N, C-alpha and C. Protein backbone atom coordinates (compact mmCIF):
# COMPACT_ATOMS: atom_id res chain seq x y z
N MET A 1 -133.62 -187.34 -55.04
CA MET A 1 -132.91 -187.99 -56.05
C MET A 1 -131.21 -186.98 -55.79
N ILE A 2 -130.60 -187.98 -56.18
CA ILE A 2 -129.38 -187.58 -55.91
C ILE A 2 -128.66 -187.14 -57.18
N GLU A 3 -128.13 -186.07 -57.48
CA GLU A 3 -127.72 -185.47 -58.46
C GLU A 3 -126.11 -185.38 -58.56
N ASN A 4 -125.49 -185.96 -59.59
CA ASN A 4 -123.99 -185.61 -59.69
C ASN A 4 -123.65 -184.60 -60.94
N ASP A 5 -122.62 -184.18 -60.94
CA ASP A 5 -121.90 -183.73 -62.30
C ASP A 5 -122.49 -184.33 -63.53
N GLU A 6 -122.04 -186.00 -63.50
CA GLU A 6 -122.06 -186.66 -65.00
C GLU A 6 -123.48 -186.40 -65.15
N ASP A 7 -124.63 -186.69 -64.15
CA ASP A 7 -126.61 -186.53 -64.54
C ASP A 7 -126.66 -184.92 -64.80
N LYS A 8 -126.03 -184.05 -64.23
CA LYS A 8 -126.12 -183.13 -64.86
C LYS A 8 -125.93 -182.66 -66.35
N ASP A 9 -124.87 -183.72 -66.95
CA ASP A 9 -124.14 -182.84 -68.05
C ASP A 9 -125.01 -183.86 -69.04
N LEU A 10 -125.81 -184.71 -68.75
CA LEU A 10 -126.61 -185.93 -69.54
C LEU A 10 -127.99 -185.24 -69.57
N GLU A 11 -127.93 -184.16 -68.20
CA GLU A 11 -129.47 -183.99 -68.67
C GLU A 11 -129.42 -182.40 -69.78
N ASP A 12 -128.51 -181.33 -69.89
CA ASP A 12 -128.01 -180.53 -70.85
C ASP A 12 -128.03 -181.12 -72.46
N GLN A 13 -127.85 -182.39 -72.12
CA GLN A 13 -128.29 -182.93 -74.01
C GLN A 13 -129.58 -182.78 -74.45
N GLU A 14 -129.65 -182.52 -75.87
CA GLU A 14 -130.97 -182.62 -76.08
C GLU A 14 -131.69 -184.03 -76.23
N GLY A 15 -132.70 -184.00 -76.18
CA GLY A 15 -133.54 -185.19 -76.00
C GLY A 15 -133.39 -186.05 -74.74
N PHE A 16 -132.81 -186.06 -73.74
CA PHE A 16 -132.53 -186.89 -72.50
C PHE A 16 -133.86 -186.58 -71.76
N GLU A 17 -134.52 -187.86 -71.46
CA GLU A 17 -135.38 -187.88 -70.48
C GLU A 17 -135.00 -188.86 -69.16
N PRO A 18 -134.93 -188.14 -68.25
CA PRO A 18 -134.38 -189.33 -67.09
C PRO A 18 -135.48 -190.39 -66.68
N LEU A 19 -135.17 -190.93 -66.57
CA LEU A 19 -135.99 -192.45 -66.16
C LEU A 19 -136.22 -192.31 -64.56
N GLU A 20 -137.58 -192.37 -64.66
CA GLU A 20 -137.92 -192.75 -63.11
C GLU A 20 -137.94 -194.28 -62.77
N VAL A 21 -137.65 -194.06 -61.36
CA VAL A 21 -137.20 -195.89 -60.87
C VAL A 21 -138.70 -196.04 -59.82
N VAL A 22 -139.13 -196.93 -60.16
CA VAL A 22 -140.08 -197.13 -59.35
C VAL A 22 -140.03 -199.11 -58.71
N SER A 23 -140.11 -198.24 -57.47
CA SER A 23 -139.33 -199.98 -56.87
C SER A 23 -141.05 -200.69 -56.34
N GLU A 24 -140.96 -201.88 -56.75
CA GLU A 24 -141.84 -202.25 -56.68
C GLU A 24 -141.49 -203.81 -56.58
N GLU A 25 -140.42 -203.84 -55.66
CA GLU A 25 -140.12 -205.48 -54.90
C GLU A 25 -141.12 -206.04 -54.70
N GLY A 26 -141.96 -205.92 -54.05
CA GLY A 26 -143.01 -206.93 -53.23
C GLY A 26 -143.65 -207.96 -54.60
N ASP A 27 -144.23 -207.01 -55.77
CA ASP A 27 -144.59 -207.55 -57.05
C ASP A 27 -143.43 -208.21 -57.29
N GLU A 28 -142.13 -207.75 -57.73
CA GLU A 28 -141.12 -208.84 -58.95
C GLU A 28 -140.73 -209.99 -57.90
N LEU A 29 -140.39 -210.10 -56.36
CA LEU A 29 -140.20 -211.13 -55.40
C LEU A 29 -141.26 -212.01 -55.66
N SER A 30 -142.69 -211.77 -55.67
CA SER A 30 -143.72 -212.63 -55.82
C SER A 30 -144.01 -213.42 -56.91
N CYS A 31 -143.44 -212.65 -58.37
CA CYS A 31 -143.13 -212.70 -59.37
C CYS A 31 -142.05 -214.34 -59.41
N LEU A 32 -140.71 -213.69 -58.96
CA LEU A 32 -139.95 -214.39 -58.66
C LEU A 32 -139.97 -215.73 -58.01
N GLU A 33 -140.80 -215.95 -56.95
CA GLU A 33 -140.96 -216.93 -56.20
C GLU A 33 -142.00 -217.62 -57.28
N ALA A 34 -142.87 -217.17 -57.71
CA ALA A 34 -143.82 -218.14 -58.14
C ALA A 34 -143.30 -218.63 -59.48
N ALA A 35 -142.39 -218.01 -60.13
CA ALA A 35 -141.38 -218.79 -61.30
C ALA A 35 -140.45 -219.72 -60.94
N LEU A 36 -140.12 -219.54 -59.55
CA LEU A 36 -138.66 -220.54 -58.87
C LEU A 36 -140.00 -221.60 -58.63
N ALA A 37 -141.39 -221.55 -57.77
CA ALA A 37 -142.28 -222.53 -57.47
C ALA A 37 -142.75 -223.41 -58.92
N GLU A 38 -142.68 -222.78 -59.93
CA GLU A 38 -143.13 -223.74 -61.26
C GLU A 38 -141.99 -224.26 -61.79
N LYS A 39 -140.65 -223.76 -61.64
CA LYS A 39 -139.74 -224.63 -62.15
C LYS A 39 -139.19 -225.76 -61.07
N THR A 40 -139.54 -225.81 -59.69
CA THR A 40 -139.39 -226.44 -58.83
C THR A 40 -140.73 -227.70 -59.16
N ALA A 41 -141.42 -227.52 -59.42
CA ALA A 41 -142.43 -228.51 -59.73
C ALA A 41 -142.25 -229.04 -61.15
N GLU A 42 -141.82 -227.97 -61.97
CA GLU A 42 -141.15 -229.03 -63.34
C GLU A 42 -140.29 -229.66 -63.23
N ALA A 43 -139.40 -229.77 -62.38
CA ALA A 43 -138.39 -230.36 -62.27
C ALA A 43 -138.70 -231.63 -61.19
N ALA A 44 -139.34 -231.74 -60.41
CA ALA A 44 -140.19 -232.86 -59.98
C ALA A 44 -140.96 -233.85 -60.57
N ASP A 45 -141.75 -232.77 -61.85
CA ASP A 45 -142.26 -233.97 -62.53
C ASP A 45 -141.33 -234.47 -63.89
N ASN A 46 -139.84 -233.96 -63.96
CA ASN A 46 -138.79 -234.35 -64.87
C ASN A 46 -138.53 -235.52 -63.85
N TYR A 47 -138.11 -235.41 -62.83
CA TYR A 47 -137.71 -236.60 -62.30
C TYR A 47 -138.54 -237.49 -62.13
N GLU A 48 -139.44 -237.10 -61.98
CA GLU A 48 -140.70 -238.61 -61.76
C GLU A 48 -140.41 -239.10 -62.83
N LYS A 49 -140.50 -238.38 -64.10
CA LYS A 49 -140.76 -239.26 -65.77
C LYS A 49 -139.33 -239.86 -65.78
N PHE A 50 -138.31 -239.22 -65.23
CA PHE A 50 -136.75 -240.21 -65.50
C PHE A 50 -136.91 -241.28 -64.41
N LEU A 51 -137.39 -241.11 -63.18
CA LEU A 51 -137.49 -242.41 -62.39
C LEU A 51 -138.42 -243.59 -63.00
N ARG A 52 -139.59 -242.87 -63.95
CA ARG A 52 -140.54 -243.87 -64.84
C ARG A 52 -139.99 -244.95 -65.52
N ALA A 53 -138.89 -244.10 -66.64
CA ALA A 53 -138.33 -244.56 -67.46
C ALA A 53 -137.55 -245.31 -67.36
N THR A 54 -136.77 -245.23 -66.14
CA THR A 54 -135.38 -245.82 -65.53
C THR A 54 -136.12 -246.90 -65.48
N ALA A 55 -137.02 -247.15 -64.37
CA ALA A 55 -137.79 -248.68 -64.04
C ALA A 55 -138.24 -249.36 -65.42
N ASP A 56 -138.39 -248.59 -66.43
CA ASP A 56 -139.25 -249.24 -67.80
C ASP A 56 -137.69 -250.04 -68.60
N LEU A 57 -137.13 -249.30 -68.70
CA LEU A 57 -136.05 -249.85 -69.32
C LEU A 57 -135.43 -251.05 -68.26
N ASN A 58 -135.40 -251.39 -67.14
CA ASN A 58 -135.26 -251.90 -66.43
C ASN A 58 -135.83 -253.38 -66.41
N ASN A 59 -137.21 -252.97 -66.34
CA ASN A 59 -138.28 -254.29 -66.72
C ASN A 59 -137.75 -254.72 -68.48
N VAL A 60 -138.04 -253.72 -69.39
CA VAL A 60 -137.68 -254.23 -70.47
C VAL A 60 -136.20 -255.25 -70.47
N ARG A 61 -135.37 -254.92 -70.08
CA ARG A 61 -134.19 -255.48 -69.89
C ARG A 61 -134.17 -257.06 -69.64
N LYS A 62 -134.91 -256.70 -68.16
CA LYS A 62 -135.31 -258.41 -67.59
C LYS A 62 -136.40 -259.15 -68.46
N ARG A 63 -137.12 -258.53 -69.23
CA ARG A 63 -138.28 -259.62 -69.53
C ARG A 63 -137.59 -259.80 -71.14
N LEU A 64 -136.36 -259.21 -71.89
CA LEU A 64 -135.79 -259.77 -72.96
C LEU A 64 -134.85 -260.47 -72.11
N GLU A 65 -134.04 -260.36 -71.27
CA GLU A 65 -133.14 -261.47 -70.88
C GLU A 65 -133.68 -262.94 -70.37
N LYS A 66 -135.14 -262.75 -70.07
CA LYS A 66 -136.04 -263.77 -69.69
C LYS A 66 -136.24 -264.59 -70.88
N GLU A 67 -136.86 -263.64 -72.12
CA GLU A 67 -137.05 -264.13 -73.13
C GLU A 67 -135.89 -265.18 -74.26
N LYS A 68 -134.95 -264.26 -73.83
CA LYS A 68 -133.53 -264.92 -74.74
C LYS A 68 -133.54 -266.25 -73.75
N SER A 69 -133.32 -266.27 -72.39
CA SER A 69 -132.63 -267.36 -72.00
C SER A 69 -134.13 -268.58 -72.23
N ASP A 70 -135.41 -268.40 -72.24
CA ASP A 70 -136.13 -269.19 -72.69
C ASP A 70 -136.02 -269.88 -74.15
N TYR A 71 -135.55 -268.78 -74.94
CA TYR A 71 -135.40 -269.27 -76.63
C TYR A 71 -134.19 -270.29 -76.36
N ILE A 72 -133.29 -270.14 -75.51
CA ILE A 72 -132.17 -270.59 -75.56
C ILE A 72 -132.36 -272.16 -75.43
N ALA A 73 -133.16 -272.23 -73.92
CA ALA A 73 -133.74 -273.01 -73.65
C ALA A 73 -134.57 -274.07 -74.00
N TYR A 74 -135.63 -273.05 -75.00
CA TYR A 74 -136.46 -274.03 -75.70
C TYR A 74 -136.68 -274.22 -77.19
N GLY A 75 -135.35 -273.18 -77.63
CA GLY A 75 -135.65 -273.30 -79.02
C GLY A 75 -136.07 -274.16 -80.45
N ASN A 76 -135.24 -275.21 -79.77
CA ASN A 76 -135.80 -276.72 -80.55
C ASN A 76 -136.93 -277.21 -80.15
N GLU A 77 -138.16 -276.72 -79.85
CA GLU A 77 -139.37 -277.23 -79.12
C GLU A 77 -139.87 -278.24 -80.11
N GLY A 78 -140.00 -277.13 -81.48
CA GLY A 78 -140.76 -277.66 -82.57
C GLY A 78 -139.64 -278.39 -83.13
N LEU A 79 -138.37 -278.69 -83.29
CA LEU A 79 -137.62 -279.82 -83.98
C LEU A 79 -138.27 -281.00 -83.22
N MET A 80 -137.90 -281.34 -81.90
CA MET A 80 -138.33 -282.09 -80.70
C MET A 80 -139.62 -282.54 -81.11
N LYS A 81 -140.98 -282.02 -81.63
CA LYS A 81 -142.19 -282.70 -81.34
C LYS A 81 -141.98 -282.85 -82.99
N GLN A 82 -141.39 -282.17 -83.95
CA GLN A 82 -141.49 -283.43 -85.11
C GLN A 82 -140.81 -284.70 -85.18
N LEU A 83 -139.78 -284.33 -84.36
CA LEU A 83 -138.87 -285.69 -84.13
C LEU A 83 -139.59 -286.89 -83.77
N LEU A 84 -140.71 -286.66 -82.87
CA LEU A 84 -141.09 -287.45 -82.00
C LEU A 84 -141.86 -288.39 -83.11
N SER A 85 -142.78 -288.08 -83.92
CA SER A 85 -143.18 -289.01 -85.11
C SER A 85 -142.10 -289.84 -85.75
N VAL A 86 -141.35 -289.31 -85.96
CA VAL A 86 -140.05 -289.98 -86.81
C VAL A 86 -139.87 -291.20 -85.47
N VAL A 87 -139.46 -290.81 -84.10
CA VAL A 87 -139.05 -291.82 -83.28
C VAL A 87 -140.10 -293.02 -83.25
N ASP A 88 -141.50 -292.36 -83.07
CA ASP A 88 -142.65 -293.45 -83.09
C ASP A 88 -142.71 -294.42 -84.48
N ASN A 89 -142.42 -293.70 -85.33
CA ASN A 89 -142.49 -294.55 -86.71
C ASN A 89 -141.23 -296.05 -86.47
N LEU A 90 -139.98 -295.46 -86.27
CA LEU A 90 -138.52 -296.53 -86.02
C LEU A 90 -139.00 -297.67 -84.76
N GLU A 91 -139.74 -296.86 -84.05
CA GLU A 91 -140.36 -298.50 -82.75
C GLU A 91 -141.46 -299.19 -83.35
N ARG A 92 -142.12 -298.22 -84.17
CA ARG A 92 -142.94 -299.32 -84.93
C ARG A 92 -142.05 -300.52 -85.74
N ALA A 93 -141.01 -299.80 -86.58
CA ALA A 93 -140.17 -300.32 -87.73
C ALA A 93 -139.28 -301.87 -86.55
N LEU A 94 -139.06 -301.57 -85.62
CA LEU A 94 -138.17 -302.56 -84.83
C LEU A 94 -138.87 -303.34 -83.94
N GLU A 95 -140.46 -303.14 -84.18
CA GLU A 95 -141.11 -304.07 -83.15
C GLU A 95 -141.68 -305.29 -84.42
N HIS A 96 -141.39 -304.85 -85.83
CA HIS A 96 -141.60 -305.52 -87.08
C HIS A 96 -140.09 -306.49 -87.10
N ALA A 97 -139.37 -306.06 -86.58
CA ALA A 97 -137.78 -306.65 -86.74
C ALA A 97 -137.86 -308.19 -85.96
N ASP A 98 -138.74 -307.89 -85.21
CA ASP A 98 -139.20 -309.48 -84.38
C ASP A 98 -139.35 -310.65 -85.87
N THR A 99 -140.11 -310.41 -86.36
CA THR A 99 -140.65 -311.16 -87.97
C THR A 99 -139.55 -311.49 -88.75
N ASP A 100 -139.69 -312.36 -89.71
CA ASP A 100 -138.62 -312.95 -90.10
C ASP A 100 -138.66 -312.03 -91.74
N ASN A 101 -139.39 -311.05 -91.41
CA ASN A 101 -140.10 -310.69 -92.94
C ASN A 101 -138.98 -309.56 -93.18
N THR A 102 -137.42 -309.56 -93.90
CA THR A 102 -136.84 -308.25 -93.85
C THR A 102 -136.91 -307.58 -95.00
N ASP A 103 -137.83 -307.68 -95.96
CA ASP A 103 -138.28 -306.97 -97.14
C ASP A 103 -139.11 -305.84 -96.20
N SER A 104 -140.37 -306.41 -95.38
CA SER A 104 -140.70 -305.02 -94.58
C SER A 104 -140.37 -304.43 -93.44
N LEU A 105 -139.15 -304.94 -92.95
CA LEU A 105 -138.25 -303.92 -91.93
C LEU A 105 -137.46 -303.06 -93.03
N ARG A 106 -137.33 -303.51 -93.89
CA ARG A 106 -136.22 -302.73 -94.97
C ARG A 106 -137.00 -301.50 -95.43
N GLU A 107 -138.44 -302.19 -95.87
CA GLU A 107 -138.91 -301.09 -96.19
C GLU A 107 -139.76 -299.96 -95.39
N GLY A 108 -139.85 -300.60 -94.03
CA GLY A 108 -140.40 -299.48 -93.13
C GLY A 108 -139.07 -298.70 -92.27
N LEU A 109 -137.55 -299.05 -92.41
CA LEU A 109 -136.89 -297.95 -92.07
C LEU A 109 -136.49 -296.86 -93.48
N THR A 110 -136.30 -297.48 -94.29
CA THR A 110 -136.27 -296.23 -95.65
C THR A 110 -137.72 -295.41 -95.38
N LEU A 111 -139.00 -295.63 -94.87
CA LEU A 111 -140.10 -294.98 -94.48
C LEU A 111 -139.52 -293.61 -93.54
N VAL A 112 -138.81 -294.32 -92.25
CA VAL A 112 -138.51 -293.55 -91.01
C VAL A 112 -137.28 -292.60 -91.90
N SER A 113 -136.69 -293.31 -92.46
CA SER A 113 -134.90 -292.58 -93.09
C SER A 113 -135.72 -291.47 -93.78
N ALA A 114 -136.49 -291.47 -94.32
CA ALA A 114 -137.09 -290.18 -95.18
C ALA A 114 -137.96 -289.40 -94.50
N GLN A 115 -138.37 -289.81 -93.31
CA GLN A 115 -139.34 -288.62 -92.88
C GLN A 115 -138.17 -288.17 -92.02
N LEU A 116 -137.43 -288.49 -91.30
CA LEU A 116 -136.68 -287.88 -90.68
C LEU A 116 -135.59 -286.67 -91.43
N ILE A 117 -135.15 -287.26 -92.53
CA ILE A 117 -134.34 -286.24 -93.17
C ILE A 117 -135.73 -285.08 -93.88
N SER A 118 -136.68 -285.43 -94.27
CA SER A 118 -137.95 -284.52 -94.41
C SER A 118 -137.86 -283.93 -93.70
N THR A 119 -137.91 -284.05 -91.97
CA THR A 119 -137.98 -283.13 -90.88
C THR A 119 -136.85 -282.44 -90.58
N LEU A 120 -135.78 -282.84 -90.76
CA LEU A 120 -134.30 -282.00 -90.71
C LEU A 120 -134.41 -281.17 -91.87
N GLU A 121 -134.80 -281.23 -93.02
CA GLU A 121 -134.78 -280.04 -93.88
C GLU A 121 -135.84 -278.88 -93.66
N SER A 122 -136.87 -279.31 -93.24
CA SER A 122 -137.73 -278.47 -92.90
C SER A 122 -137.39 -277.41 -91.98
N PHE A 123 -136.27 -277.68 -90.80
CA PHE A 123 -135.69 -276.65 -90.07
C PHE A 123 -134.33 -275.81 -90.75
N GLY A 124 -134.14 -276.30 -92.65
CA GLY A 124 -132.85 -275.72 -92.38
C GLY A 124 -131.71 -276.43 -92.79
N LEU A 125 -131.94 -278.04 -93.25
CA LEU A 125 -130.66 -278.91 -92.85
C LEU A 125 -131.00 -278.96 -94.50
N ARG A 126 -129.73 -279.59 -95.12
CA ARG A 126 -129.19 -279.57 -96.62
C ARG A 126 -128.28 -280.65 -96.93
N ALA A 127 -128.31 -281.51 -97.49
CA ALA A 127 -127.32 -282.45 -97.69
C ALA A 127 -126.36 -281.82 -98.78
N ILE A 128 -124.93 -282.11 -99.02
CA ILE A 128 -124.41 -281.74 -100.18
C ILE A 128 -123.76 -282.99 -100.81
N GLU A 129 -124.32 -282.33 -102.13
CA GLU A 129 -124.00 -283.28 -102.97
C GLU A 129 -122.58 -283.18 -103.67
N ALA A 130 -121.72 -284.21 -103.82
CA ALA A 130 -120.53 -284.78 -103.90
C ALA A 130 -120.23 -285.73 -104.71
N GLU A 131 -120.92 -286.61 -104.59
CA GLU A 131 -120.25 -287.69 -105.85
C GLU A 131 -120.43 -287.24 -107.59
N GLY A 132 -118.88 -287.45 -107.67
CA GLY A 132 -119.13 -286.96 -109.58
C GLY A 132 -118.59 -285.59 -109.55
N LEU A 133 -118.65 -284.95 -108.58
CA LEU A 133 -118.87 -283.21 -108.62
C LEU A 133 -117.09 -282.80 -108.49
N PRO A 134 -116.34 -281.67 -108.82
CA PRO A 134 -115.28 -281.56 -108.22
C PRO A 134 -114.94 -281.61 -107.03
N PHE A 135 -113.59 -281.88 -106.34
CA PHE A 135 -113.80 -281.84 -104.75
C PHE A 135 -113.64 -280.10 -104.82
N ASP A 136 -114.10 -279.78 -103.80
CA ASP A 136 -114.34 -278.73 -103.14
C ASP A 136 -114.05 -278.60 -101.48
N PRO A 137 -112.69 -278.26 -101.17
CA PRO A 137 -112.41 -278.28 -99.78
C PRO A 137 -113.09 -277.42 -98.77
N ASN A 138 -114.08 -276.44 -99.26
CA ASN A 138 -115.07 -276.19 -98.39
C ASN A 138 -116.03 -276.71 -98.08
N ARG A 139 -116.17 -277.84 -98.87
CA ARG A 139 -117.62 -278.74 -98.69
C ARG A 139 -117.06 -280.53 -98.35
N HIS A 140 -116.00 -280.54 -98.68
CA HIS A 140 -115.35 -281.86 -98.43
C HIS A 140 -114.01 -282.09 -97.93
N GLU A 141 -113.93 -283.17 -96.90
CA GLU A 141 -113.24 -283.82 -96.45
C GLU A 141 -112.44 -284.75 -97.12
N ALA A 142 -111.39 -285.12 -98.04
CA ALA A 142 -110.79 -285.75 -98.63
C ALA A 142 -110.09 -286.69 -97.53
N ILE A 143 -110.03 -287.94 -97.78
CA ILE A 143 -109.95 -289.13 -96.91
C ILE A 143 -108.85 -290.39 -97.39
N SER A 144 -108.94 -289.71 -98.92
CA SER A 144 -108.43 -290.83 -99.89
C SER A 144 -108.31 -290.30 -101.02
N HIS A 145 -107.10 -290.73 -101.70
CA HIS A 145 -107.17 -290.39 -103.30
C HIS A 145 -106.71 -291.60 -103.79
N ASP A 146 -107.64 -291.79 -105.18
CA ASP A 146 -107.59 -293.13 -105.67
C ASP A 146 -107.60 -292.76 -106.94
N ASP A 147 -107.17 -294.11 -107.87
CA ASP A 147 -106.91 -294.61 -109.11
C ASP A 147 -108.33 -294.47 -109.68
N SER A 148 -109.22 -293.60 -110.60
CA SER A 148 -109.86 -293.98 -111.34
C SER A 148 -109.95 -294.02 -112.99
N GLU A 149 -110.36 -294.33 -113.93
CA GLU A 149 -110.22 -294.42 -114.61
C GLU A 149 -111.69 -293.33 -115.81
N GLY A 150 -112.77 -293.26 -114.78
CA GLY A 150 -113.78 -293.16 -115.38
C GLY A 150 -114.08 -291.55 -114.73
N HIS A 151 -113.23 -290.98 -113.81
CA HIS A 151 -113.22 -290.02 -113.11
C HIS A 151 -111.93 -289.24 -113.66
N GLU A 152 -112.39 -287.70 -113.86
CA GLU A 152 -111.08 -287.07 -113.74
C GLU A 152 -110.59 -286.69 -112.88
N PRO A 153 -109.14 -286.37 -112.49
CA PRO A 153 -108.13 -286.19 -111.66
C PRO A 153 -108.90 -284.81 -110.98
N GLY A 154 -108.72 -284.68 -109.62
CA GLY A 154 -109.66 -284.03 -108.71
C GLY A 154 -111.44 -283.80 -108.91
N PHE A 155 -112.01 -284.92 -108.95
CA PHE A 155 -113.08 -285.00 -109.09
C PHE A 155 -113.62 -286.12 -107.62
N VAL A 156 -114.38 -285.87 -107.03
CA VAL A 156 -115.03 -286.72 -105.77
C VAL A 156 -115.36 -288.42 -106.80
N ILE A 157 -114.93 -289.20 -106.30
CA ILE A 157 -115.18 -290.68 -106.91
C ILE A 157 -115.95 -291.57 -105.82
N LYS A 158 -116.25 -291.26 -104.27
CA LYS A 158 -116.95 -291.92 -103.60
C LYS A 158 -117.06 -291.00 -102.57
N VAL A 159 -118.57 -291.24 -101.83
CA VAL A 159 -118.88 -290.41 -100.40
C VAL A 159 -119.02 -291.28 -99.48
N PHE A 160 -117.91 -291.27 -98.74
CA PHE A 160 -118.18 -292.27 -97.67
C PHE A 160 -119.01 -291.93 -96.23
N GLN A 161 -119.34 -290.59 -96.29
CA GLN A 161 -119.83 -290.02 -94.81
C GLN A 161 -120.64 -288.77 -95.67
N LYS A 162 -121.64 -288.49 -95.34
CA LYS A 162 -122.43 -287.20 -96.21
C LYS A 162 -122.21 -286.21 -95.40
N GLY A 163 -121.87 -285.21 -95.67
CA GLY A 163 -121.92 -283.66 -95.30
C GLY A 163 -123.36 -282.84 -95.39
N TYR A 164 -123.31 -281.54 -94.55
CA TYR A 164 -124.82 -280.99 -94.48
C TYR A 164 -124.54 -279.60 -93.97
N PHE A 165 -125.41 -278.92 -94.85
CA PHE A 165 -125.57 -277.48 -94.33
C PHE A 165 -126.71 -277.38 -93.63
N PHE A 166 -126.58 -276.65 -92.37
CA PHE A 166 -127.78 -275.81 -91.83
C PHE A 166 -127.61 -274.37 -91.78
N LYS A 167 -128.86 -274.22 -92.80
CA LYS A 167 -129.19 -273.08 -93.34
C LYS A 167 -128.06 -272.73 -94.10
N ASP A 168 -127.13 -271.94 -93.84
CA ASP A 168 -126.02 -271.35 -94.76
C ASP A 168 -124.68 -271.48 -94.33
N ARG A 169 -124.60 -272.49 -93.09
CA ARG A 169 -123.60 -272.77 -92.61
C ARG A 169 -122.93 -273.98 -92.46
N LEU A 170 -121.77 -274.72 -93.10
CA LEU A 170 -121.41 -275.85 -92.75
C LEU A 170 -121.65 -276.38 -91.36
N LEU A 171 -122.51 -277.67 -91.16
CA LEU A 171 -122.49 -278.47 -90.26
C LEU A 171 -121.37 -279.40 -90.31
N ARG A 172 -121.27 -279.98 -91.16
CA ARG A 172 -120.39 -281.40 -91.36
C ARG A 172 -119.73 -281.06 -92.80
N PRO A 173 -118.20 -281.59 -93.42
CA PRO A 173 -118.15 -281.57 -94.43
C PRO A 173 -118.25 -283.17 -95.26
N SER A 174 -118.29 -283.27 -96.45
CA SER A 174 -118.50 -284.77 -96.70
C SER A 174 -117.39 -285.69 -96.59
N MET A 175 -117.17 -286.56 -96.27
CA MET A 175 -116.12 -287.71 -96.33
C MET A 175 -116.17 -287.97 -97.48
N VAL A 176 -114.76 -287.84 -98.21
CA VAL A 176 -114.75 -288.52 -99.61
C VAL A 176 -113.36 -288.90 -100.14
N SER A 177 -113.55 -289.66 -101.58
CA SER A 177 -112.24 -290.15 -102.19
C SER A 177 -112.22 -289.72 -103.23
N VAL A 178 -111.04 -288.93 -103.28
CA VAL A 178 -110.56 -288.02 -104.78
C VAL A 178 -109.89 -288.82 -105.67
N ALA A 179 -110.57 -288.74 -107.12
CA ALA A 179 -109.68 -289.22 -108.09
C ALA A 179 -108.38 -288.61 -108.40
N LYS A 180 -107.31 -289.22 -108.43
CA LYS A 180 -105.88 -288.43 -108.68
C LYS A 180 -105.57 -288.87 -110.10
N ASN A 181 -104.60 -288.24 -110.99
CA ASN A 181 -103.73 -288.50 -111.70
C ASN A 181 -103.43 -289.82 -112.24
């Protein structure tokens, strides 16, 4: 052991005990190699998990894009199925138009119209009530202003074309005539 003056000074102090350095380089090196091998295996495992997670994410994206395109392409399938029965009944009514009986034709067309409206309402269509109500520019489109003694100014006198909501959105405003002063 090499000693210098500083080491002698430390030894002179009370309670000082020199440390013995034991060189176990072989054991220390094997421990470090084992730790490195463990961390390398852990890193490889994490990389595998990363690759799997990335592949899963890409598969989910592809599946969602396909579902979205299918939803856009076939989203109205239920509506189309229900409208087919309306088309069938309309064709039956037109077959009866060849006869001279206009009352049965009128009755058949009234039933088909009611069935069509019912089908559309089941999908969220809602007619806008307008006649006799105050004019609302958010729901009505005024195409004329007429004198009317039976109605207050600013109230709808006549509906030329019904307006409709589809769920919460205005699909088409009602075309109306409004009473003026």
